[in-house]
Amino acid sequence: MVDDIFAEWEVLWGEKAVYDVMAALAFRCEPSLPFSWFDGIQFLVGIERDAMGQWCRLPSRKK
């Protein structure tokens, strides 16, 4: 599901419902692999960078 959301991110990023679904998934789903707090912060920073890129035309994060 996450891959599908990110594949269509240019269309979906402005829809509030998408953020509600992502928040629900984050609170209800266990991660498939353990990660440290630093990895979690880095992931959130990447999401923020991508979101800001929608407004400011910043380069996307490396995958």
N, C-alpha and C. Protein backbone atom coordinates (compact mmCIF):
# COMPACT_ATOMS: atom_id res chain seq x y z
N MET A 1 0.82 -1.19 0.00
CA MET A 1 0.00 0.00 0.00
C MET A 1 0.87 1.26 0.00
N VAL A 2 1.92 1.25 0.79
CA VAL A 2 2.80 2.42 0.86
C VAL A 2 3.43 2.70 -0.50
N ASP A 3 3.89 1.65 -1.19
CA ASP A 3 4.47 1.85 -2.52
C ASP A 3 3.46 2.47 -3.48
N ASP A 4 2.20 2.04 -3.37
CA ASP A 4 1.15 2.59 -4.23
C ASP A 4 0.92 4.07 -3.93
N ILE A 5 0.91 4.41 -2.65
CA ILE A 5 0.71 5.81 -2.26
C ILE A 5 1.84 6.68 -2.80
N PHE A 6 3.08 6.24 -2.60
CA PHE A 6 4.21 7.05 -3.05
C PHE A 6 4.32 7.09 -4.57
N ALA A 7 3.85 6.05 -5.26
CA ALA A 7 3.88 6.06 -6.72
C ALA A 7 2.96 7.15 -7.28
N GLU A 8 1.90 7.48 -6.55
CA GLU A 8 0.95 8.50 -6.98
C GLU A 8 1.03 9.77 -6.14
N TRP A 9 2.17 9.98 -5.48
CA TRP A 9 2.29 11.07 -4.52
C TRP A 9 2.03 12.44 -5.13
N GLU A 10 2.43 12.65 -6.38
CA GLU A 10 2.22 13.96 -7.00
C GLU A 10 0.75 14.32 -7.08
N VAL A 11 -0.12 13.32 -7.18
CA VAL A 11 -1.56 13.54 -7.23
C VAL A 11 -2.16 13.59 -5.83
N LEU A 12 -1.63 12.76 -4.92
CA LEU A 12 -2.26 12.58 -3.61
C LEU A 12 -1.81 13.53 -2.52
N TRP A 13 -0.67 14.19 -2.68
CA TRP A 13 -0.09 14.93 -1.56
C TRP A 13 -0.99 16.03 -1.02
N GLY A 14 -1.87 16.55 -1.84
CA GLY A 14 -2.74 17.63 -1.39
C GLY A 14 -4.05 17.17 -0.75
N GLU A 15 -4.26 15.87 -0.68
CA GLU A 15 -5.51 15.34 -0.13
C GLU A 15 -5.36 15.03 1.36
N LYS A 16 -6.17 15.67 2.20
CA LYS A 16 -6.09 15.45 3.65
C LYS A 16 -6.31 13.99 4.02
N ALA A 17 -7.20 13.31 3.33
CA ALA A 17 -7.52 11.91 3.64
C ALA A 17 -6.28 11.02 3.55
N VAL A 18 -5.36 11.35 2.66
CA VAL A 18 -4.14 10.55 2.51
C VAL A 18 -3.33 10.60 3.81
N TYR A 19 -3.23 11.77 4.41
CA TYR A 19 -2.48 11.91 5.66
C TYR A 19 -3.18 11.19 6.80
N ASP A 20 -4.52 11.19 6.79
CA ASP A 20 -5.26 10.45 7.80
C ASP A 20 -4.99 8.95 7.68
N VAL A 21 -4.98 8.44 6.46
CA VAL A 21 -4.70 7.02 6.23
C VAL A 21 -3.27 6.69 6.66
N MET A 22 -2.32 7.53 6.29
CA MET A 22 -0.92 7.27 6.66
C MET A 22 -0.75 7.31 8.17
N ALA A 23 -1.42 8.24 8.85
CA ALA A 23 -1.32 8.30 10.31
C ALA A 23 -1.92 7.05 10.94
N ALA A 24 -3.05 6.59 10.42
CA ALA A 24 -3.67 5.38 10.94
C ALA A 24 -2.76 4.18 10.76
N LEU A 25 -2.13 4.08 9.61
CA LEU A 25 -1.19 2.98 9.37
C LEU A 25 -0.01 3.05 10.33
N ALA A 26 0.50 4.24 10.54
CA ALA A 26 1.66 4.40 11.42
C ALA A 26 1.34 3.96 12.85
N PHE A 27 0.12 4.23 13.31
CA PHE A 27 -0.24 3.88 14.68
C PHE A 27 -0.68 2.44 14.84
N ARG A 28 -1.13 1.80 13.77
CA ARG A 28 -1.69 0.45 13.88
C ARG A 28 -0.76 -0.66 13.39
N CYS A 29 0.19 -0.34 12.56
CA CYS A 29 1.04 -1.37 11.94
C CYS A 29 2.40 -1.45 12.63
N GLU A 30 2.86 -2.65 12.79
CA GLU A 30 4.20 -2.86 13.32
C GLU A 30 5.20 -2.78 12.16
N PRO A 31 6.38 -2.22 12.38
CA PRO A 31 7.38 -2.17 11.31
C PRO A 31 7.83 -3.57 10.93
N SER A 32 8.16 -3.76 9.65
CA SER A 32 8.61 -5.07 9.19
C SER A 32 10.03 -5.37 9.68
N LEU A 33 10.80 -4.32 9.92
CA LEU A 33 12.16 -4.47 10.46
C LEU A 33 12.34 -3.49 11.60
N PRO A 34 13.07 -3.90 12.64
CA PRO A 34 13.32 -2.94 13.73
C PRO A 34 14.19 -1.78 13.24
N PHE A 35 13.99 -0.62 13.84
CA PHE A 35 14.82 0.53 13.49
C PHE A 35 15.06 1.37 14.73
N SER A 36 16.14 2.13 14.70
CA SER A 36 16.50 2.97 15.85
C SER A 36 15.72 4.29 15.78
N TRP A 37 15.77 5.04 16.85
CA TRP A 37 15.10 6.34 16.87
C TRP A 37 15.70 7.26 15.82
N PHE A 38 17.02 7.15 15.61
CA PHE A 38 17.67 7.99 14.61
C PHE A 38 17.17 7.67 13.21
N ASP A 39 17.04 6.37 12.90
CA ASP A 39 16.51 5.97 11.60
C ASP A 39 15.09 6.51 11.40
N GLY A 40 14.28 6.48 12.47
CA GLY A 40 12.93 7.01 12.40
C GLY A 40 12.92 8.49 12.10
N ILE A 41 13.80 9.23 12.76
CA ILE A 41 13.90 10.68 12.52
C ILE A 41 14.36 10.94 11.09
N GLN A 42 15.33 10.18 10.62
CA GLN A 42 15.83 10.36 9.26
C GLN A 42 14.72 10.09 8.24
N PHE A 43 13.89 9.10 8.50
CA PHE A 43 12.77 8.81 7.62
C PHE A 43 11.80 9.99 7.57
N LEU A 44 11.48 10.55 8.74
CA LEU A 44 10.58 11.70 8.80
C LEU A 44 11.17 12.92 8.11
N VAL A 45 12.48 13.12 8.25
CA VAL A 45 13.15 14.23 7.58
C VAL A 45 13.02 14.07 6.06
N GLY A 46 13.17 12.83 5.59
CA GLY A 46 13.03 12.57 4.16
C GLY A 46 11.62 12.87 3.66
N ILE A 47 10.62 12.49 4.45
CA ILE A 47 9.24 12.79 4.06
C ILE A 47 9.02 14.30 4.01
N GLU A 48 9.54 15.00 5.02
CA GLU A 48 9.39 16.46 5.04
C GLU A 48 10.07 17.09 3.83
N ARG A 49 11.26 16.61 3.50
CA ARG A 49 11.99 17.14 2.34
C ARG A 49 11.20 16.93 1.05
N ASP A 50 10.62 15.74 0.90
CA ASP A 50 9.82 15.46 -0.29
C ASP A 50 8.58 16.34 -0.34
N ALA A 51 7.94 16.54 0.81
CA ALA A 51 6.75 17.38 0.85
C ALA A 51 7.10 18.83 0.50
N MET A 52 8.18 19.33 1.07
CA MET A 52 8.61 20.69 0.76
C MET A 52 9.00 20.82 -0.70
N GLY A 53 9.53 19.75 -1.27
CA GLY A 53 9.89 19.75 -2.67
C GLY A 53 8.70 19.96 -3.58
N GLN A 54 7.52 19.55 -3.11
CA GLN A 54 6.30 19.78 -3.89
C GLN A 54 6.03 21.28 -4.03
N TRP A 55 6.40 22.06 -3.02
CA TRP A 55 6.13 23.49 -3.04
C TRP A 55 7.33 24.28 -3.57
N CYS A 56 8.53 23.83 -3.25
CA CYS A 56 9.72 24.64 -3.53
C CYS A 56 10.60 24.08 -4.65
N ARG A 57 10.20 22.98 -5.21
CA ARG A 57 10.98 22.31 -6.27
C ARG A 57 12.36 21.90 -5.80
N LEU A 58 12.44 21.40 -4.56
CA LEU A 58 13.69 20.86 -4.05
C LEU A 58 13.93 19.49 -4.67
N PRO A 59 15.19 19.07 -4.81
CA PRO A 59 15.43 17.73 -5.34
C PRO A 59 14.91 16.68 -4.37
N SER A 60 14.40 15.57 -4.90
CA SER A 60 13.90 14.48 -4.06
C SER A 60 15.05 13.82 -3.34
N ARG A 61 14.71 13.14 -2.23
CA ARG A 61 15.72 12.40 -1.48
C ARG A 61 16.15 11.19 -2.28
N LYS A 62 17.34 10.72 -2.01
CA LYS A 62 17.85 9.54 -2.68
C LYS A 62 17.14 8.31 -2.13
N LYS A 63 16.83 7.38 -2.99
CA LYS A 63 16.11 6.18 -2.58
C LYS A 63 17.04 5.03 -2.39
